[in-house]
Amino acid sequence: MDSPYAPFSIHAWSAALQAVDQSSSRLVEATKTCKQYGHYTFPDPGLFVHTATAVKYLASWLRIRDAWFMRVSKEPSLAMSSQNWCTFLSIDPSVPAKSGTKAARRRQESLALILPGVQMRSGSMGPISWQGEDLSPGVLPPDDIVRQILWELYDVNFIHELQSLDRRACTDLDLSKPAQLFERQIMIPKCFHITLFRPAPIPSVDLGLAADDLEERHRFVTALVKVMQSWKGEKPVLLGAPEANICNFTRQAAAQLERVVAKYYCQQFFNYFGRAAQIPHHLFALKND
């Protein structure tokens, strides 16, 4: 995303996203009309960078952020189309929609999905706050605050998307068997530095797959490899290396593995979901990557 508000890219992941083969022959499903295509559990960060709508969209998201995190923790399969998110974020509760119009139907659909049973009224949505501090309504937050908000959205979307991809790509995974799901739920959190789907304080340094130090990132890349080894289909040869060998990779080999993992993940996500994956980002600018 080319914006002053965008979190800083991780070279291996941004290069992997650009290298995705978007041929229709790659799609696991023959059509992009499948329900899972184009759906996001959290808003796409790209929705928040347009000058004309950034203030309104950010305010709308921050007002429901805590409540949405609570819903996702209880209903992990929640996901909405980008259009539904866009419609909700653009709603001004002080302006009633004209009944019977297409816009009114979209508005009601989005409200029902995000805030079921809640009636939106002017001034009823509460203050706009971030990390415990109230923000001024009608004013774009400072660049670093916007970057933090978008970084979090990338992070939690990536976590959700990895879980969703694993459920579709994992060989012989029976979703009706709690023991199998529990086994995956033990493996996947090891790929991340945060508790899944819970708001967390903004870190003071980059962590996990975005850590500054390659050796630190390698621990989380290795955890991701363990998850991917159970996925269907052919895989890059490097992903088949024994865990003991991967853990003792040289710096050069670790950098190569990171590139291979990122490229394989981004391509597999497109194959199953028909759109670009949300990928991890640095929160802080690096002198080199």
C-alpha atoms as a PDB file:
ATOM      1  CA  MET A   1       0.000   0.000   0.000  1.00  0.00           C
ATOM      2  CA  ASP A   2       1.511   3.300  -1.110  1.00  0.00           C
ATOM      3  CA  SER A   3       0.539   5.773   1.600  1.00  0.00           C
ATOM      4  CA  PRO A   4       2.294   7.793   4.316  1.00  0.00           C
ATOM      5  CA  TYR A   5      -0.068   6.086   6.777  1.00  0.00           C
ATOM      6  CA  ALA A   6       0.892   2.562   5.708  1.00  0.00           C
ATOM      7  CA  PRO A   7       2.966   0.349   8.017  1.00  0.00           C
ATOM      8  CA  PHE A   8       6.390  -0.491   6.647  1.00  0.00           C
ATOM      9  CA  SER A   9       6.651  -3.495   4.353  1.00  0.00           C
ATOM     10  CA  ILE A  10       8.702  -6.627   5.001  1.00  0.00           C
ATOM     11  CA  HIS A  11      10.687  -7.245   1.830  1.00  0.00           C
ATOM     12  CA  ALA A  12      10.189 -11.025   1.677  1.00  0.00           C
ATOM     13  CA  TRP A  13       6.424 -10.687   2.108  1.00  0.00           C
ATOM     14  CA  SER A  14       5.863  -7.722  -0.216  1.00  0.00           C
ATOM     15  CA  ALA A  15       7.932  -9.427  -2.933  1.00  0.00           C
ATOM     16  CA  ALA A  16       5.928 -12.624  -2.429  1.00  0.00           C
ATOM     17  CA  LEU A  17       2.647 -10.774  -2.830  1.00  0.00           C
ATOM     18  CA  GLN A  18       3.829  -9.158  -6.065  1.00  0.00           C
ATOM     19  CA  ALA A  19       4.931 -12.552  -7.417  1.00  0.00           C
ATOM     20  CA  VAL A  20       1.542 -14.276  -7.028  1.00  0.00           C
ATOM     21  CA  ASP A  21       0.314 -15.977 -10.194  1.00  0.00           C
ATOM     22  CA  GLN A  22      -3.277 -14.738 -10.508  1.00  0.00           C
ATOM     23  CA  SER A  23      -4.238 -17.098 -13.327  1.00  0.00           C
ATOM     24  CA  SER A  24      -7.741 -18.522 -12.959  1.00  0.00           C
ATOM     25  CA  SER A  25      -6.232 -21.988 -13.421  1.00  0.00           C
ATOM     26  CA  ARG A  26      -4.640 -21.570  -9.991  1.00  0.00           C
ATOM     27  CA  LEU A  27      -7.983 -21.306  -8.204  1.00  0.00           C
ATOM     28  CA  VAL A  28      -9.087 -24.331  -6.202  1.00  0.00           C
ATOM     29  CA  GLU A  29     -12.693 -23.298  -6.862  1.00  0.00           C
ATOM     30  CA  ALA A  30     -13.609 -22.577 -10.478  1.00  0.00           C
ATOM     31  CA  THR A  31     -15.444 -19.333  -9.721  1.00  0.00           C
ATOM     32  CA  LYS A  32     -14.809 -16.318  -7.546  1.00  0.00           C
ATOM     33  CA  THR A  33     -18.483 -16.172  -6.561  1.00  0.00           C
ATOM     34  CA  CYS A  34     -17.797 -18.531  -3.646  1.00  0.00           C
ATOM     35  CA  LYS A  35     -18.713 -17.061  -0.256  1.00  0.00           C
ATOM     36  CA  GLN A  36     -15.138 -17.061   1.050  1.00  0.00           C
ATOM     37  CA  TYR A  37     -13.824 -14.854  -1.770  1.00  0.00           C
ATOM     38  CA  GLY A  38     -13.336 -11.196  -0.923  1.00  0.00           C
ATOM     39  CA  HIS A  39     -14.353 -11.514   2.738  1.00  0.00           C
ATOM     40  CA  TYR A  40     -12.460 -10.031   5.665  1.00  0.00           C
ATOM     41  CA  THR A  41     -12.889 -10.637   9.399  1.00  0.00           C
ATOM     42  CA  PHE A  42     -11.427  -7.189  10.040  1.00  0.00           C
ATOM     43  CA  PRO A  43     -11.552  -4.246   7.626  1.00  0.00           C
ATOM     44  CA  ASP A  44      -9.015  -4.127   4.812  1.00  0.00           C
ATOM     45  CA  PRO A  45      -6.425  -1.469   5.811  1.00  0.00           C
ATOM     46  CA  GLY A  46      -6.583  -0.127   2.256  1.00  0.00           C
ATOM     47  CA  LEU A  47     -10.044   1.293   3.010  1.00  0.00           C
ATOM     48  CA  PHE A  48      -8.579   3.858   5.415  1.00  0.00           C
ATOM     49  CA  VAL A  49      -6.034   5.727   3.313  1.00  0.00           C
ATOM     50  CA  HIS A  50      -8.246   7.796   1.006  1.00  0.00           C
ATOM     51  CA  THR A  51      -8.155  11.445   2.002  1.00  0.00           C
ATOM     52  CA  ALA A  52     -11.863  12.085   1.505  1.00  0.00           C
ATOM     53  CA  THR A  53     -13.019   9.250   3.781  1.00  0.00           C
ATOM     54  CA  ALA A  54     -10.126   8.509   6.155  1.00  0.00           C
ATOM     55  CA  VAL A  55     -11.465  10.546   9.097  1.00  0.00           C
ATOM     56  CA  LYS A  56     -14.967   9.045   8.966  1.00  0.00           C
ATOM     57  CA  TYR A  57     -13.786   5.479   8.367  1.00  0.00           C
ATOM     58  CA  LEU A  58     -11.248   5.555  11.192  1.00  0.00           C
ATOM     59  CA  ALA A  59     -13.809   6.977  13.619  1.00  0.00           C
ATOM     60  CA  SER A  60     -16.380   4.326  12.652  1.00  0.00           C
ATOM     61  CA  TRP A  61     -13.868   1.513  13.121  1.00  0.00           C
ATOM     62  CA  LEU A  62     -12.505   2.745  16.447  1.00  0.00           C
ATOM     63  CA  ARG A  63     -16.014   3.124  17.869  1.00  0.00           C
ATOM     64  CA  ILE A  64     -16.790  -0.563  17.330  1.00  0.00           C
ATOM     65  CA  ARG A  65     -13.274  -2.021  17.559  1.00  0.00           C
ATOM     66  CA  ASP A  66     -13.513  -3.404  21.117  1.00  0.00           C
ATOM     67  CA  ALA A  67     -17.004  -4.803  20.562  1.00  0.00           C
ATOM     68  CA  TRP A  68     -15.919  -6.424  17.286  1.00  0.00           C
ATOM     69  CA  PHE A  69     -12.901  -8.086  18.908  1.00  0.00           C
ATOM     70  CA  MET A  70     -15.273  -9.524  21.527  1.00  0.00           C
ATOM     71  CA  ARG A  71     -17.590 -10.887  18.818  1.00  0.00           C
ATOM     72  CA  VAL A  72     -14.708 -12.459  16.907  1.00  0.00           C
ATOM     73  CA  SER A  73     -13.433 -14.170  20.061  1.00  0.00           C
ATOM     74  CA  LYS A  74     -16.840 -15.833  20.457  1.00  0.00           C
ATOM     75  CA  GLU A  75     -17.733 -16.251  16.769  1.00  0.00           C
ATOM     76  CA  PRO A  76     -14.427 -16.988  14.985  1.00  0.00           C
ATOM     77  CA  SER A  77     -16.074 -17.600  11.610  1.00  0.00           C
ATOM     78  CA  LEU A  78     -17.218 -13.981  11.229  1.00  0.00           C
ATOM     79  CA  ALA A  79     -16.246 -12.393   7.927  1.00  0.00           C
ATOM     80  CA  MET A  80     -17.786  -9.738   5.688  1.00  0.00           C
ATOM     81  CA  SER A  81     -17.286  -8.548   2.164  1.00  0.00           C
ATOM     82  CA  SER A  82     -15.151  -5.492   1.591  1.00  0.00           C
ATOM     83  CA  GLN A  83     -18.312  -3.768   0.314  1.00  0.00           C
ATOM     84  CA  ASN A  84     -20.131  -4.447   3.596  1.00  0.00           C
ATOM     85  CA  TRP A  85     -17.207  -3.057   5.564  1.00  0.00           C
ATOM     86  CA  CYS A  86     -17.041  -0.009   3.320  1.00  0.00           C
ATOM     87  CA  THR A  87     -20.783   0.595   3.690  1.00  0.00           C
ATOM     88  CA  PHE A  88     -20.632   0.352   7.465  1.00  0.00           C
ATOM     89  CA  LEU A  89     -17.580   2.578   7.809  1.00  0.00           C
ATOM     90  CA  SER A  90     -19.245   5.275   5.685  1.00  0.00           C
ATOM     91  CA  ILE A  91     -22.458   5.393   7.736  1.00  0.00           C
ATOM     92  CA  ASP A  92     -23.272   8.687   9.436  1.00  0.00           C
ATOM     93  CA  PRO A  93     -25.774   7.724  12.181  1.00  0.00           C
ATOM     94  CA  SER A  94     -27.049  11.318  12.342  1.00  0.00           C
ATOM     95  CA  VAL A  95     -28.323  11.103   8.742  1.00  0.00           C
ATOM     96  CA  PRO A  96     -31.225   8.656   8.256  1.00  0.00           C
ATOM     97  CA  ALA A  97     -31.126   6.611   5.076  1.00  0.00           C
ATOM     98  CA  LYS A  98     -33.977   6.926   2.592  1.00  0.00           C
ATOM     99  CA  SER A  99     -36.080   3.794   2.996  1.00  0.00           C
ATOM    100  CA  GLY A 100     -36.475   1.488   0.046  1.00  0.00           C
ATOM    101  CA  THR A 101     -33.280   2.509  -1.703  1.00  0.00           C
ATOM    102  CA  LYS A 102     -30.387   0.212  -2.578  1.00  0.00           C
ATOM    103  CA  ALA A 103     -28.136   2.286  -0.298  1.00  0.00           C
ATOM    104  CA  ALA A 104     -30.594   1.843   2.584  1.00  0.00           C
ATOM    105  CA  ARG A 105     -30.670  -1.923   2.092  1.00  0.00           C
ATOM    106  CA  ARG A 106     -26.864  -2.084   2.081  1.00  0.00           C
ATOM    107  CA  ARG A 107     -26.722   0.074   5.184  1.00  0.00           C
ATOM    108  CA  GLN A 108     -29.190  -2.142   7.047  1.00  0.00           C
ATOM    109  CA  GLU A 109     -27.393  -5.307   5.948  1.00  0.00           C
ATOM    110  CA  SER A 110     -24.051  -3.985   7.178  1.00  0.00           C
ATOM    111  CA  LEU A 111     -25.516  -2.850  10.507  1.00  0.00           C
ATOM    112  CA  ALA A 112     -27.174  -6.227  11.044  1.00  0.00           C
ATOM    113  CA  LEU A 113     -23.917  -8.058  10.362  1.00  0.00           C
ATOM    114  CA  ILE A 114     -21.696  -5.905  12.551  1.00  0.00           C
ATOM    115  CA  LEU A 115     -24.024  -4.738  15.315  1.00  0.00           C
ATOM    116  CA  PRO A 116     -26.940  -7.188  15.421  1.00  0.00           C
ATOM    117  CA  GLY A 117     -29.839  -5.861  17.446  1.00  0.00           C
ATOM    118  CA  VAL A 118     -28.234  -2.444  17.983  1.00  0.00           C
ATOM    119  CA  GLN A 119     -29.958   0.734  16.816  1.00  0.00           C
ATOM    120  CA  MET A 120     -27.487   3.428  15.736  1.00  0.00           C
ATOM    121  CA  ARG A 121     -28.386   6.935  16.834  1.00  0.00           C
ATOM    122  CA  SER A 122     -26.511  10.201  16.662  1.00  0.00           C
ATOM    123  CA  GLY A 123     -23.997  10.421  19.487  1.00  0.00           C
ATOM    124  CA  SER A 124     -24.839   6.891  20.711  1.00  0.00           C
ATOM    125  CA  MET A 125     -21.688   5.143  19.535  1.00  0.00           C
ATOM    126  CA  GLY A 126     -19.353   6.386  22.238  1.00  0.00           C
ATOM    127  CA  PRO A 127     -16.003   8.197  22.085  1.00  0.00           C
ATOM    128  CA  ILE A 128     -13.232   7.615  19.600  1.00  0.00           C
ATOM    129  CA  SER A 129     -10.217   6.184  21.402  1.00  0.00           C
ATOM    130  CA  TRP A 130      -7.004   4.324  20.677  1.00  0.00           C
ATOM    131  CA  GLN A 131      -4.875   2.481  23.203  1.00  0.00           C
ATOM    132  CA  GLY A 132      -6.781   4.110  26.064  1.00  0.00           C
ATOM    133  CA  GLU A 133      -6.503   7.692  24.783  1.00  0.00           C
ATOM    134  CA  ASP A 134      -9.458   9.658  23.405  1.00  0.00           C
ATOM    135  CA  LEU A 135      -9.033  11.149  19.943  1.00  0.00           C
ATOM    136  CA  SER A 136     -10.620  14.335  18.643  1.00  0.00           C
ATOM    137  CA  PRO A 137     -13.703  13.678  16.484  1.00  0.00           C
ATOM    138  CA  GLY A 138     -13.645  15.030  12.953  1.00  0.00           C
ATOM    139  CA  VAL A 139      -9.846  15.237  12.889  1.00  0.00           C
ATOM    140  CA  LEU A 140      -7.414  12.792  11.329  1.00  0.00           C
ATOM    141  CA  PRO A 141      -5.174  11.306  14.050  1.00  0.00           C
ATOM    142  CA  PRO A 142      -1.405  11.844  13.799  1.00  0.00           C
ATOM    143  CA  ASP A 143       0.370   9.748  11.172  1.00  0.00           C
ATOM    144  CA  ASP A 144       1.928   7.402  13.728  1.00  0.00           C
ATOM    145  CA  ILE A 145      -1.482   6.658  15.286  1.00  0.00           C
ATOM    146  CA  VAL A 146      -3.027   5.893  11.887  1.00  0.00           C
ATOM    147  CA  ARG A 147      -0.055   3.653  11.110  1.00  0.00           C
ATOM    148  CA  GLN A 148      -0.566   1.759  14.373  1.00  0.00           C
ATOM    149  CA  ILE A 149      -4.262   1.225  13.607  1.00  0.00           C
ATOM    150  CA  LEU A 150      -3.525  -0.102  10.125  1.00  0.00           C
ATOM    151  CA  TRP A 151      -0.647  -2.249  11.380  1.00  0.00           C
ATOM    152  CA  GLU A 152      -3.003  -3.927  13.847  1.00  0.00           C
ATOM    153  CA  LEU A 153      -5.570  -4.543  11.104  1.00  0.00           C
ATOM    154  CA  TYR A 154      -2.919  -6.177   8.908  1.00  0.00           C
ATOM    155  CA  ASP A 155      -1.799  -8.298  11.852  1.00  0.00           C
ATOM    156  CA  VAL A 156      -5.196  -9.596  12.946  1.00  0.00           C
ATOM    157  CA  ASN A 157      -6.375 -10.141   9.374  1.00  0.00           C
ATOM    158  CA  PHE A 158      -3.231 -12.181   8.692  1.00  0.00           C
ATOM    159  CA  ILE A 159      -3.837 -14.298  11.795  1.00  0.00           C
ATOM    160  CA  HIS A 160      -7.429 -14.995  10.802  1.00  0.00           C
ATOM    161  CA  GLU A 161      -6.526 -15.704   7.190  1.00  0.00           C
ATOM    162  CA  LEU A 162      -3.831 -18.192   8.175  1.00  0.00           C
ATOM    163  CA  GLN A 163      -6.345 -20.064  10.304  1.00  0.00           C
ATOM    164  CA  SER A 164      -8.917 -20.027   7.508  1.00  0.00           C
ATOM    165  CA  LEU A 165      -6.360 -21.186   4.926  1.00  0.00           C
ATOM    166  CA  ASP A 166      -5.133 -23.961   7.218  1.00  0.00           C
ATOM    167  CA  ARG A 167      -8.674 -25.306   7.623  1.00  0.00           C
ATOM    168  CA  ARG A 168      -9.060 -25.555   3.864  1.00  0.00           C
ATOM    169  CA  ALA A 169      -5.545 -26.656   2.915  1.00  0.00           C
ATOM    170  CA  CYS A 170      -4.672 -29.078   5.725  1.00  0.00           C
ATOM    171  CA  THR A 171      -4.647 -32.670   4.504  1.00  0.00           C
ATOM    172  CA  ASP A 172      -7.383 -34.907   5.945  1.00  0.00           C
ATOM    173  CA  LEU A 173      -8.459 -32.333   8.529  1.00  0.00           C
ATOM    174  CA  ASP A 174     -11.944 -33.237   9.786  1.00  0.00           C
ATOM    175  CA  LEU A 175     -13.608 -30.058  11.073  1.00  0.00           C
ATOM    176  CA  SER A 176     -16.123 -32.143  13.006  1.00  0.00           C
ATOM    177  CA  LYS A 177     -13.396 -33.632  15.209  1.00  0.00           C
ATOM    178  CA  PRO A 178     -12.445 -31.314  18.106  1.00  0.00           C
ATOM    179  CA  ALA A 179      -9.191 -33.193  18.771  1.00  0.00           C
ATOM    180  CA  GLN A 180      -7.871 -32.408  15.283  1.00  0.00           C
ATOM    181  CA  LEU A 181      -8.920 -28.764  15.497  1.00  0.00           C
ATOM    182  CA  PHE A 182      -7.302 -28.479  18.923  1.00  0.00           C
ATOM    183  CA  GLU A 183      -4.035 -29.829  17.529  1.00  0.00           C
ATOM    184  CA  ARG A 184      -4.028 -27.125  14.834  1.00  0.00           C
ATOM    185  CA  GLN A 185      -4.969 -24.489  17.393  1.00  0.00           C
ATOM    186  CA  ILE A 186      -1.861 -25.399  19.364  1.00  0.00           C
ATOM    187  CA  MET A 187       0.412 -25.125  16.310  1.00  0.00           C
ATOM    188  CA  ILE A 188      -0.846 -21.911  14.717  1.00  0.00           C
ATOM    189  CA  PRO A 189      -0.399 -19.486  17.678  1.00  0.00           C
ATOM    190  CA  LYS A 190       3.317 -20.362  17.706  1.00  0.00           C
ATOM    191  CA  CYS A 191       3.603 -18.415  14.438  1.00  0.00           C
ATOM    192  CA  PHE A 192       2.715 -15.155  16.208  1.00  0.00           C
ATOM    193  CA  HIS A 193       3.878 -13.029  19.110  1.00  0.00           C
ATOM    194  CA  ILE A 194       0.390 -11.960  20.229  1.00  0.00           C
ATOM    195  CA  THR A 195      -2.673 -13.666  21.683  1.00  0.00           C
ATOM    196  CA  LEU A 196      -5.029 -14.447  18.832  1.00  0.00           C
ATOM    197  CA  PHE A 197      -7.913 -12.008  18.265  1.00  0.00           C
ATOM    198  CA  ARG A 198      -7.423  -9.963  21.412  1.00  0.00           C
ATOM    199  CA  PRO A 199      -6.507  -6.283  21.373  1.00  0.00           C
ATOM    200  CA  ALA A 200      -2.949  -5.888  22.599  1.00  0.00           C
ATOM    201  CA  PRO A 201      -0.798  -2.918  23.580  1.00  0.00           C
ATOM    202  CA  ILE A 202       1.250  -1.561  20.708  1.00  0.00           C
ATOM    203  CA  PRO A 203       4.768  -3.015  21.012  1.00  0.00           C
ATOM    204  CA  SER A 204       7.802  -0.774  21.351  1.00  0.00           C
ATOM    205  CA  VAL A 205       9.762  -2.880  18.844  1.00  0.00           C
ATOM    206  CA  ASP A 206       8.827  -5.101  15.912  1.00  0.00           C
ATOM    207  CA  LEU A 207       8.205  -8.691  16.937  1.00  0.00           C
ATOM    208  CA  GLY A 208       7.415 -12.112  15.488  1.00  0.00           C
ATOM    209  CA  LEU A 209       7.496 -12.414  11.702  1.00  0.00           C
ATOM    210  CA  ALA A 210       8.258  -8.675  11.581  1.00  0.00           C
ATOM    211  CA  ALA A 211      11.173  -8.690  14.044  1.00  0.00           C
ATOM    212  CA  ASP A 212      14.200  -6.617  13.056  1.00  0.00           C
ATOM    213  CA  ASP A 213      16.608  -9.483  13.657  1.00  0.00           C
ATOM    214  CA  LEU A 214      16.541 -12.335  11.139  1.00  0.00           C
ATOM    215  CA  GLU A 215      17.374 -14.925  13.794  1.00  0.00           C
ATOM    216  CA  GLU A 216      14.354 -13.798  15.819  1.00  0.00           C
ATOM    217  CA  ARG A 217      12.093 -13.915  12.757  1.00  0.00           C
ATOM    218  CA  HIS A 218      13.422 -17.378  11.926  1.00  0.00           C
ATOM    219  CA  ARG A 219      11.782 -18.882  15.036  1.00  0.00           C
ATOM    220  CA  PHE A 220       8.360 -17.810  13.801  1.00  0.00           C
ATOM    221  CA  VAL A 221       9.076 -18.728  10.177  1.00  0.00           C
ATOM    222  CA  THR A 222      10.000 -22.226  11.395  1.00  0.00           C
ATOM    223  CA  ALA A 223       6.677 -22.471  13.255  1.00  0.00           C
ATOM    224  CA  LEU A 224       4.890 -21.462  10.048  1.00  0.00           C
ATOM    225  CA  VAL A 225       6.777 -24.153   8.116  1.00  0.00           C
ATOM    226  CA  LYS A 226       5.493 -26.790  10.571  1.00  0.00           C
ATOM    227  CA  VAL A 227       1.925 -25.664   9.858  1.00  0.00           C
ATOM    228  CA  MET A 228       2.465 -25.650   6.086  1.00  0.00           C
ATOM    229  CA  GLN A 229       4.000 -29.130   5.982  1.00  0.00           C
ATOM    230  CA  SER A 230       0.507 -30.585   6.480  1.00  0.00           C
ATOM    231  CA  TRP A 231      -1.023 -28.718   3.530  1.00  0.00           C
ATOM    232  CA  LYS A 232      -2.226 -30.439   0.374  1.00  0.00           C
ATOM    233  CA  GLY A 233      -0.338 -30.462  -2.894  1.00  0.00           C
ATOM    234  CA  GLU A 234       3.250 -29.952  -3.938  1.00  0.00           C
ATOM    235  CA  LYS A 235       5.478 -27.741  -1.833  1.00  0.00           C
ATOM    236  CA  PRO A 236       8.872 -26.123  -2.278  1.00  0.00           C
ATOM    237  CA  VAL A 237      11.652 -28.584  -1.461  1.00  0.00           C
ATOM    238  CA  LEU A 238      12.950 -26.367   1.327  1.00  0.00           C
ATOM    239  CA  LEU A 239       9.709 -26.810   3.300  1.00  0.00           C
ATOM    240  CA  GLY A 240      10.391 -30.546   3.539  1.00  0.00           C
ATOM    241  CA  ALA A 241      13.652 -30.156   5.430  1.00  0.00           C
ATOM    242  CA  PRO A 242      13.724 -31.797   8.902  1.00  0.00           C
ATOM    243  CA  GLU A 243      12.933 -29.437  11.772  1.00  0.00           C
ATOM    244  CA  ALA A 244      16.375 -29.978  13.323  1.00  0.00           C
ATOM    245  CA  ASN A 245      18.047 -28.838  10.092  1.00  0.00           C
ATOM    246  CA  ILE A 246      15.769 -25.790   9.723  1.00  0.00           C
ATOM    247  CA  CYS A 247      16.469 -24.681  13.284  1.00  0.00           C
ATOM    248  CA  ASN A 248      20.225 -24.738  12.528  1.00  0.00           C
ATOM    249  CA  PHE A 249      20.085 -22.948   9.180  1.00  0.00           C
ATOM    250  CA  THR A 250      22.814 -20.445   8.388  1.00  0.00           C
ATOM    251  CA  ARG A 251      21.783 -16.811   8.119  1.00  0.00           C
ATOM    252  CA  GLN A 252      21.742 -17.078   4.338  1.00  0.00           C
ATOM    253  CA  ALA A 253      19.595 -20.216   4.404  1.00  0.00           C
ATOM    254  CA  ALA A 254      17.222 -18.630   6.927  1.00  0.00           C
ATOM    255  CA  ALA A 255      16.729 -15.626   4.647  1.00  0.00           C
ATOM    256  CA  GLN A 256      16.035 -17.948   1.728  1.00  0.00           C
ATOM    257  CA  LEU A 257      13.522 -19.937   3.789  1.00  0.00           C
ATOM    258  CA  GLU A 258      11.702 -16.732   4.736  1.00  0.00           C
ATOM    259  CA  ARG A 259      11.351 -15.825   1.045  1.00  0.00           C
ATOM    260  CA  VAL A 260      10.164 -19.327   0.131  1.00  0.00           C
ATOM    261  CA  VAL A 261       7.618 -19.443   2.969  1.00  0.00           C
ATOM    262  CA  ALA A 262       6.216 -16.002   2.142  1.00  0.00           C
ATOM    263  CA  LYS A 263       5.896 -16.812  -1.561  1.00  0.00           C
ATOM    264  CA  TYR A 264       4.279 -20.194  -0.921  1.00  0.00           C
ATOM    265  CA  TYR A 265       1.822 -18.693   1.595  1.00  0.00           C
ATOM    266  CA  CYS A 266       0.733 -15.817  -0.661  1.00  0.00           C
ATOM    267  CA  GLN A 267       0.223 -18.125  -3.637  1.00  0.00           C
ATOM    268  CA  GLN A 268      -1.712 -20.691  -1.612  1.00  0.00           C
ATOM    269  CA  PHE A 269      -3.962 -18.006  -0.179  1.00  0.00           C
ATOM    270  CA  PHE A 270      -4.805 -16.772  -3.663  1.00  0.00           C
ATOM    271  CA  ASN A 271      -5.419 -20.326  -4.845  1.00  0.00           C
ATOM    272  CA  TYR A 272      -8.001 -20.944  -2.122  1.00  0.00           C
ATOM    273  CA  PHE A 273      -9.544 -17.498  -1.672  1.00  0.00           C
ATOM    274  CA  GLY A 274      -9.135 -15.750  -5.015  1.00  0.00           C
ATOM    275  CA  ARG A 275      -7.646 -12.519  -3.692  1.00  0.00           C
ATOM    276  CA  ALA A 276      -4.457 -11.076  -2.272  1.00  0.00           C
ATOM    277  CA  ALA A 277      -3.520 -12.140   1.239  1.00  0.00           C
ATOM    278  CA  GLN A 278      -3.109  -9.684   4.082  1.00  0.00           C
ATOM    279  CA  ILE A 279       0.544  -9.935   5.075  1.00  0.00           C
ATOM    280  CA  PRO A 280       2.595  -8.972   8.154  1.00  0.00           C
ATOM    281  CA  HIS A 281       4.266  -5.561   8.296  1.00  0.00           C
ATOM    282  CA  HIS A 282       6.873  -3.715  10.302  1.00  0.00           C
ATOM    283  CA  LEU A 283       5.436  -1.076  12.602  1.00  0.00           C
ATOM    284  CA  PHE A 284       8.717   0.805  12.765  1.00  0.00           C
ATOM    285  CA  ALA A 285      11.014   1.871   9.942  1.00  0.00           C
ATOM    286  CA  LEU A 286      14.160  -0.222   9.553  1.00  0.00           C
ATOM    287  CA  LYS A 287      17.622   0.940   8.588  1.00  0.00           C
ATOM    288  CA  ASN A 288      17.862  -2.208   6.507  1.00  0.00           C
ATOM    289  CA  ASP A 289      15.785  -5.351   6.010  1.00  0.00           C
END
